[in-house]
Amino acid sequence: MSKLVLTFEEDYEFSLIGISCHSKDYRLCWELNKQLSIDMVRTADLEISKKDTVSSFSFYEFIDETNYLEYYLISNRGNSGHIIPEQKSMDFFLMIKGNISDNHTKDCIAKINSLSLVLTSFNVDPNQLKSKQNLLF
């Protein structure tokens, strides 16, 4: 009898913007909503299990049904570590899923950098991250 083997390939087709900001997550979210003309709201924390510990990270989302885009703001610092340990200097990640152009990503980065409470923001290639599986939900 022949055996059928299914392989699962994870999809990292999204834009990821790293944000360095020393403000609270709700304050950054409020500023991002104004600057990017979106309406992210807080949802249940993103929980990641590693060994015997569960880490919780603040999580905001907005689904733009008109443009078929999804925006997620994820805190990089949780109750027991970082969601992306190799990017410890980043405080938050803005993930944009959907059919997004490079120009839209660059425009978002420029708008985020114009905020007074943001120290810096830049595009992060999720395929180059060792712990990229933490960004799948």
N, C-alpha and C. Protein backbone atom coordinates (compact mmCIF):
# COMPACT_ATOMS: atom_id res chain seq x y z
N MET A 1 0.84 -1.16 0.00
CA MET A 1 0.00 0.00 0.00
C MET A 1 0.90 1.24 0.00
N SER A 2 0.59 2.19 -0.88
CA SER A 2 1.40 3.39 -0.97
C SER A 2 0.99 4.39 0.11
N LYS A 3 1.93 5.20 0.48
CA LYS A 3 1.72 6.19 1.54
C LYS A 3 1.76 7.58 0.92
N LEU A 4 0.81 8.39 1.26
CA LEU A 4 0.75 9.76 0.78
C LEU A 4 1.28 10.68 1.88
N VAL A 5 2.29 11.48 1.55
CA VAL A 5 2.90 12.38 2.52
C VAL A 5 2.56 13.82 2.13
N LEU A 6 1.98 14.53 3.08
CA LEU A 6 1.67 15.94 2.87
C LEU A 6 2.76 16.79 3.50
N THR A 7 3.23 17.77 2.76
CA THR A 7 4.20 18.70 3.31
C THR A 7 3.52 20.04 3.51
N PHE A 8 3.87 20.68 4.58
CA PHE A 8 3.28 21.96 4.93
C PHE A 8 4.33 23.04 4.81
N GLU A 9 4.08 24.00 3.96
CA GLU A 9 5.01 25.11 3.78
C GLU A 9 4.39 26.36 4.40
N GLU A 10 5.09 26.95 5.33
CA GLU A 10 4.57 28.12 6.02
C GLU A 10 4.68 29.34 5.13
N ASP A 11 3.70 30.22 5.24
CA ASP A 11 3.62 31.40 4.40
C ASP A 11 4.05 32.63 5.18
N TYR A 12 5.14 33.23 4.75
CA TYR A 12 5.63 34.46 5.37
C TYR A 12 5.50 35.63 4.40
N GLU A 13 4.41 35.66 3.68
CA GLU A 13 4.16 36.71 2.70
C GLU A 13 3.39 37.85 3.35
N PHE A 14 4.10 38.66 4.10
CA PHE A 14 3.51 39.84 4.72
C PHE A 14 4.62 40.86 4.91
N SER A 15 4.21 42.10 5.08
CA SER A 15 5.17 43.16 5.38
C SER A 15 5.30 43.26 6.89
N LEU A 16 6.53 43.39 7.34
CA LEU A 16 6.80 43.49 8.77
C LEU A 16 7.63 44.74 9.02
N ILE A 17 7.12 45.61 9.86
CA ILE A 17 7.80 46.87 10.17
C ILE A 17 8.16 46.83 11.65
N GLY A 18 9.44 46.94 11.94
CA GLY A 18 9.91 47.01 13.32
C GLY A 18 9.84 48.44 13.81
N ILE A 19 9.32 48.64 15.02
CA ILE A 19 9.14 49.99 15.57
C ILE A 19 9.83 50.07 16.92
N SER A 20 10.70 51.05 17.07
CA SER A 20 11.33 51.33 18.35
C SER A 20 10.63 52.54 18.96
N CYS A 21 9.99 52.32 20.11
CA CYS A 21 9.19 53.36 20.74
C CYS A 21 9.08 53.03 22.22
N HIS A 22 9.35 54.00 23.09
CA HIS A 22 9.33 53.75 24.51
C HIS A 22 7.98 54.07 25.15
N SER A 23 6.98 54.36 24.35
CA SER A 23 5.64 54.63 24.87
C SER A 23 4.89 53.33 25.10
N LYS A 24 3.79 53.41 25.78
CA LYS A 24 2.93 52.25 26.02
C LYS A 24 2.27 51.83 24.71
N ASP A 25 1.87 50.57 24.64
CA ASP A 25 1.29 50.02 23.42
C ASP A 25 0.01 50.75 23.00
N TYR A 26 -0.85 51.11 23.96
CA TYR A 26 -2.10 51.78 23.61
C TYR A 26 -1.85 53.18 23.05
N ARG A 27 -0.81 53.85 23.54
CA ARG A 27 -0.48 55.18 23.04
C ARG A 27 0.04 55.10 21.60
N LEU A 28 0.92 54.14 21.34
CA LEU A 28 1.43 53.94 19.98
C LEU A 28 0.30 53.57 19.04
N CYS A 29 -0.58 52.69 19.47
CA CYS A 29 -1.71 52.28 18.64
C CYS A 29 -2.59 53.47 18.28
N TRP A 30 -2.85 54.32 19.25
CA TRP A 30 -3.68 55.50 19.00
C TRP A 30 -3.03 56.42 17.96
N GLU A 31 -1.72 56.63 18.09
CA GLU A 31 -1.00 57.47 17.13
C GLU A 31 -0.96 56.82 15.74
N LEU A 32 -0.74 55.52 15.68
CA LEU A 32 -0.74 54.82 14.39
C LEU A 32 -2.11 54.89 13.72
N ASN A 33 -3.16 54.74 14.50
CA ASN A 33 -4.51 54.84 13.94
C ASN A 33 -4.74 56.19 13.29
N LYS A 34 -4.32 57.26 13.95
CA LYS A 34 -4.48 58.60 13.38
C LYS A 34 -3.61 58.78 12.14
N GLN A 35 -2.35 58.36 12.23
CA GLN A 35 -1.40 58.62 11.15
C GLN A 35 -1.68 57.78 9.91
N LEU A 36 -2.08 56.52 10.10
CA LEU A 36 -2.29 55.61 8.96
C LEU A 36 -3.76 55.52 8.55
N SER A 37 -4.63 56.26 9.21
CA SER A 37 -6.07 56.26 8.94
C SER A 37 -6.65 54.85 9.01
N ILE A 38 -6.34 54.18 10.10
CA ILE A 38 -6.88 52.85 10.35
C ILE A 38 -7.54 52.85 11.73
N ASP A 39 -8.07 51.71 12.15
CA ASP A 39 -8.78 51.65 13.42
C ASP A 39 -8.44 50.34 14.14
N MET A 40 -7.18 50.19 14.55
CA MET A 40 -6.78 48.99 15.27
C MET A 40 -7.39 49.02 16.67
N VAL A 41 -7.81 47.85 17.11
CA VAL A 41 -8.36 47.69 18.46
C VAL A 41 -7.65 46.54 19.16
N ARG A 42 -7.60 46.62 20.47
CA ARG A 42 -6.94 45.59 21.26
C ARG A 42 -7.80 44.34 21.27
N THR A 43 -7.16 43.21 21.07
CA THR A 43 -7.84 41.92 21.15
C THR A 43 -7.12 41.08 22.20
N ALA A 44 -7.45 39.83 22.28
CA ALA A 44 -6.80 38.94 23.24
C ALA A 44 -5.31 38.90 22.96
N ASP A 45 -4.51 38.80 24.02
CA ASP A 45 -3.06 38.74 23.87
C ASP A 45 -2.65 37.55 23.02
N LEU A 46 -1.57 37.73 22.28
CA LEU A 46 -0.98 36.64 21.52
C LEU A 46 -0.16 35.80 22.48
N GLU A 47 -0.47 34.52 22.57
CA GLU A 47 0.24 33.64 23.50
C GLU A 47 1.10 32.65 22.73
N ILE A 48 2.35 32.52 23.18
CA ILE A 48 3.29 31.61 22.54
C ILE A 48 3.86 30.70 23.62
N SER A 49 3.76 29.40 23.38
CA SER A 49 4.27 28.40 24.33
C SER A 49 5.66 27.98 23.92
N LYS A 50 6.58 28.07 24.86
CA LYS A 50 7.95 27.61 24.66
C LYS A 50 8.32 26.77 25.87
N LYS A 51 8.65 25.53 25.62
CA LYS A 51 8.99 24.59 26.69
C LYS A 51 7.85 24.55 27.70
N ASP A 52 8.09 24.97 28.95
CA ASP A 52 7.01 24.93 29.93
C ASP A 52 6.48 26.32 30.29
N THR A 53 6.82 27.35 29.50
CA THR A 53 6.32 28.69 29.80
C THR A 53 5.44 29.19 28.66
N VAL A 54 4.48 30.00 29.02
CA VAL A 54 3.60 30.64 28.04
C VAL A 54 3.84 32.14 28.13
N SER A 55 4.24 32.74 27.02
CA SER A 55 4.48 34.18 26.97
C SER A 55 3.29 34.87 26.33
N SER A 56 2.89 36.01 26.89
CA SER A 56 1.78 36.80 26.36
C SER A 56 2.31 38.11 25.82
N PHE A 57 1.82 38.51 24.64
CA PHE A 57 2.23 39.74 23.98
C PHE A 57 0.98 40.54 23.62
N SER A 58 1.01 41.85 23.88
CA SER A 58 -0.15 42.66 23.55
C SER A 58 -0.35 42.64 22.04
N PHE A 59 -1.62 42.68 21.64
CA PHE A 59 -1.98 42.41 20.24
C PHE A 59 -3.15 43.31 19.84
N TYR A 60 -2.97 44.05 18.76
CA TYR A 60 -4.00 44.92 18.21
C TYR A 60 -4.22 44.53 16.76
N GLU A 61 -5.46 44.67 16.27
CA GLU A 61 -5.73 44.29 14.89
C GLU A 61 -6.74 45.21 14.25
N PHE A 62 -6.65 45.30 12.92
CA PHE A 62 -7.61 46.02 12.10
C PHE A 62 -7.70 45.30 10.76
N ILE A 63 -8.92 44.95 10.35
CA ILE A 63 -9.15 44.30 9.06
C ILE A 63 -9.75 45.35 8.13
N ASP A 64 -9.02 45.71 7.08
CA ASP A 64 -9.47 46.67 6.08
C ASP A 64 -10.13 45.89 4.94
N GLU A 65 -11.45 45.74 5.02
CA GLU A 65 -12.16 44.94 4.03
C GLU A 65 -12.24 45.62 2.67
N THR A 66 -12.12 46.93 2.65
CA THR A 66 -12.17 47.66 1.38
C THR A 66 -10.93 47.39 0.54
N ASN A 67 -9.75 47.42 1.18
CA ASN A 67 -8.48 47.23 0.46
C ASN A 67 -7.91 45.82 0.64
N TYR A 68 -8.63 44.94 1.33
CA TYR A 68 -8.20 43.55 1.56
C TYR A 68 -6.84 43.49 2.26
N LEU A 69 -6.70 44.30 3.31
CA LEU A 69 -5.47 44.32 4.09
C LEU A 69 -5.80 44.04 5.56
N GLU A 70 -4.83 43.46 6.26
CA GLU A 70 -4.96 43.20 7.68
C GLU A 70 -3.75 43.83 8.37
N TYR A 71 -4.01 44.62 9.41
CA TYR A 71 -2.97 45.28 10.18
C TYR A 71 -2.93 44.67 11.58
N TYR A 72 -1.74 44.34 12.03
CA TYR A 72 -1.56 43.80 13.37
C TYR A 72 -0.39 44.51 14.04
N LEU A 73 -0.61 45.00 15.25
CA LEU A 73 0.45 45.59 16.05
C LEU A 73 0.73 44.62 17.19
N ILE A 74 1.98 44.15 17.26
CA ILE A 74 2.36 43.13 18.23
C ILE A 74 3.52 43.68 19.05
N SER A 75 3.41 43.58 20.36
CA SER A 75 4.49 43.98 21.24
C SER A 75 5.61 42.94 21.15
N ASN A 76 6.85 43.39 21.10
CA ASN A 76 7.98 42.46 21.07
C ASN A 76 8.33 41.97 22.47
N ARG A 77 7.92 42.70 23.48
CA ARG A 77 8.22 42.32 24.86
C ARG A 77 6.98 41.74 25.53
N GLY A 78 7.15 40.56 26.08
CA GLY A 78 6.05 39.90 26.78
C GLY A 78 6.37 39.70 28.24
N ASN A 79 5.58 38.91 28.90
CA ASN A 79 5.77 38.68 30.33
C ASN A 79 6.99 37.82 30.63
N SER A 80 7.50 37.10 29.64
CA SER A 80 8.69 36.27 29.88
C SER A 80 9.58 36.20 28.64
N GLY A 81 9.93 37.34 28.09
CA GLY A 81 10.85 37.35 26.97
C GLY A 81 10.35 38.13 25.78
N HIS A 82 11.01 37.92 24.65
CA HIS A 82 10.70 38.61 23.40
C HIS A 82 10.05 37.64 22.42
N ILE A 83 9.17 38.18 21.58
CA ILE A 83 8.56 37.35 20.54
C ILE A 83 9.57 37.08 19.43
N ILE A 84 10.43 38.06 19.15
CA ILE A 84 11.53 37.91 18.19
C ILE A 84 12.81 38.27 18.94
N PRO A 85 13.46 37.28 19.58
CA PRO A 85 14.64 37.58 20.41
C PRO A 85 15.81 38.21 19.65
N GLU A 86 15.94 37.93 18.37
CA GLU A 86 17.06 38.50 17.62
C GLU A 86 16.85 39.97 17.26
N GLN A 87 15.67 40.51 17.56
CA GLN A 87 15.38 41.93 17.33
C GLN A 87 15.00 42.59 18.66
N LYS A 88 15.85 42.45 19.67
CA LYS A 88 15.56 42.98 21.00
C LYS A 88 15.44 44.50 21.04
N SER A 89 16.05 45.18 20.08
CA SER A 89 15.99 46.64 20.07
C SER A 89 14.63 47.15 19.59
N MET A 90 13.84 46.29 18.97
CA MET A 90 12.51 46.68 18.51
C MET A 90 11.50 46.46 19.64
N ASP A 91 10.65 47.45 19.86
CA ASP A 91 9.64 47.35 20.90
C ASP A 91 8.33 46.77 20.37
N PHE A 92 8.03 47.03 19.08
CA PHE A 92 6.78 46.59 18.48
C PHE A 92 7.04 46.17 17.04
N PHE A 93 6.09 45.37 16.52
CA PHE A 93 6.10 45.02 15.11
C PHE A 93 4.73 45.32 14.54
N LEU A 94 4.71 45.98 13.38
CA LEU A 94 3.47 46.21 12.65
C LEU A 94 3.49 45.25 11.47
N MET A 95 2.57 44.31 11.47
CA MET A 95 2.47 43.33 10.41
C MET A 95 1.31 43.72 9.51
N ILE A 96 1.57 43.75 8.19
CA ILE A 96 0.51 44.07 7.23
C ILE A 96 0.40 42.88 6.28
N LYS A 97 -0.76 42.23 6.31
CA LYS A 97 -1.01 41.08 5.45
C LYS A 97 -1.94 41.49 4.33
N GLY A 98 -1.78 40.84 3.20
CA GLY A 98 -2.64 41.11 2.05
C GLY A 98 -1.80 41.50 0.86
N ASN A 99 -2.47 41.99 -0.15
CA ASN A 99 -1.79 42.40 -1.38
C ASN A 99 -1.25 43.82 -1.19
N ILE A 100 -0.05 43.91 -0.63
CA ILE A 100 0.54 45.20 -0.29
C ILE A 100 1.75 45.46 -1.18
N SER A 101 1.85 46.66 -1.68
CA SER A 101 2.97 47.02 -2.55
C SER A 101 4.14 47.54 -1.71
N ASP A 102 5.32 47.54 -2.31
CA ASP A 102 6.49 48.09 -1.63
C ASP A 102 6.32 49.58 -1.36
N ASN A 103 5.64 50.28 -2.26
CA ASN A 103 5.42 51.72 -2.07
C ASN A 103 4.52 51.97 -0.86
N HIS A 104 3.52 51.12 -0.66
CA HIS A 104 2.64 51.29 0.51
C HIS A 104 3.42 51.06 1.79
N THR A 105 4.30 50.06 1.79
CA THR A 105 5.13 49.79 2.97
C THR A 105 6.06 50.96 3.25
N LYS A 106 6.70 51.50 2.21
CA LYS A 106 7.59 52.64 2.39
C LYS A 106 6.82 53.86 2.89
N ASP A 107 5.61 54.05 2.39
CA ASP A 107 4.78 55.16 2.83
C ASP A 107 4.41 55.01 4.30
N CYS A 108 4.08 53.78 4.70
CA CYS A 108 3.75 53.52 6.11
C CYS A 108 4.96 53.80 7.00
N ILE A 109 6.14 53.37 6.58
CA ILE A 109 7.36 53.60 7.37
C ILE A 109 7.63 55.09 7.51
N ALA A 110 7.47 55.84 6.41
CA ALA A 110 7.68 57.29 6.47
C ALA A 110 6.69 57.95 7.43
N LYS A 111 5.44 57.52 7.41
CA LYS A 111 4.43 58.09 8.31
C LYS A 111 4.72 57.72 9.76
N ILE A 112 5.16 56.48 9.98
CA ILE A 112 5.48 56.05 11.35
C ILE A 112 6.68 56.82 11.88
N ASN A 113 7.70 57.02 11.04
CA ASN A 113 8.89 57.77 11.47
C ASN A 113 8.58 59.23 11.75
N SER A 114 7.50 59.77 11.18
CA SER A 114 7.15 61.17 11.42
C SER A 114 6.51 61.37 12.79
N LEU A 115 6.12 60.29 13.46
CA LEU A 115 5.52 60.41 14.80
C LEU A 115 6.60 60.79 15.81
N SER A 116 6.28 61.71 16.70
CA SER A 116 7.26 62.19 17.67
C SER A 116 7.63 61.14 18.71
N LEU A 117 6.74 60.23 19.01
CA LEU A 117 7.05 59.22 20.02
C LEU A 117 7.82 58.02 19.48
N VAL A 118 7.98 57.92 18.16
CA VAL A 118 8.72 56.81 17.55
C VAL A 118 10.18 57.21 17.36
N LEU A 119 11.08 56.38 17.87
CA LEU A 119 12.50 56.62 17.68
C LEU A 119 12.93 56.26 16.27
N THR A 120 12.52 55.07 15.80
CA THR A 120 12.81 54.65 14.44
C THR A 120 11.88 53.52 14.05
N SER A 121 11.73 53.31 12.77
CA SER A 121 11.01 52.16 12.24
C SER A 121 11.63 51.80 10.91
N PHE A 122 11.61 50.52 10.60
CA PHE A 122 12.18 50.06 9.33
C PHE A 122 11.58 48.73 8.95
N ASN A 123 11.74 48.39 7.68
CA ASN A 123 11.22 47.15 7.14
C ASN A 123 12.08 45.98 7.61
N VAL A 124 11.44 44.91 8.05
CA VAL A 124 12.13 43.71 8.51
C VAL A 124 11.71 42.56 7.60
N ASP A 125 12.69 41.83 7.08
CA ASP A 125 12.39 40.68 6.24
C ASP A 125 12.11 39.48 7.14
N PRO A 126 10.86 39.00 7.20
CA PRO A 126 10.55 37.89 8.11
C PRO A 126 11.28 36.60 7.75
N ASN A 127 11.67 36.43 6.50
CA ASN A 127 12.37 35.21 6.09
C ASN A 127 13.79 35.15 6.64
N GLN A 128 14.33 36.27 7.10
CA GLN A 128 15.68 36.32 7.66
C GLN A 128 15.71 36.12 9.17
N LEU A 129 14.53 36.01 9.79
CA LEU A 129 14.45 35.87 11.24
C LEU A 129 14.51 34.40 11.65
N LYS A 130 15.25 34.10 12.69
CA LYS A 130 15.33 32.73 13.19
C LYS A 130 14.02 32.30 13.84
N SER A 131 13.38 33.20 14.55
CA SER A 131 12.15 32.87 15.27
C SER A 131 10.89 33.37 14.53
N LYS A 132 10.92 33.32 13.21
CA LYS A 132 9.81 33.81 12.40
C LYS A 132 8.53 33.02 12.62
N GLN A 133 8.62 31.77 13.07
CA GLN A 133 7.44 30.96 13.31
C GLN A 133 6.56 31.55 14.41
N ASN A 134 7.13 32.40 15.26
CA ASN A 134 6.34 33.07 16.31
C ASN A 134 5.35 34.07 15.73
N LEU A 135 5.55 34.48 14.49
CA LEU A 135 4.68 35.46 13.86
C LEU A 135 3.52 34.82 13.11
N LEU A 136 3.42 33.52 13.14
CA LEU A 136 2.31 32.84 12.49
C LEU A 136 1.19 32.63 13.50
N PHE A 137 0.01 33.14 13.16
CA PHE A 137 -1.16 32.98 14.03
C PHE A 137 -2.39 32.87 13.18
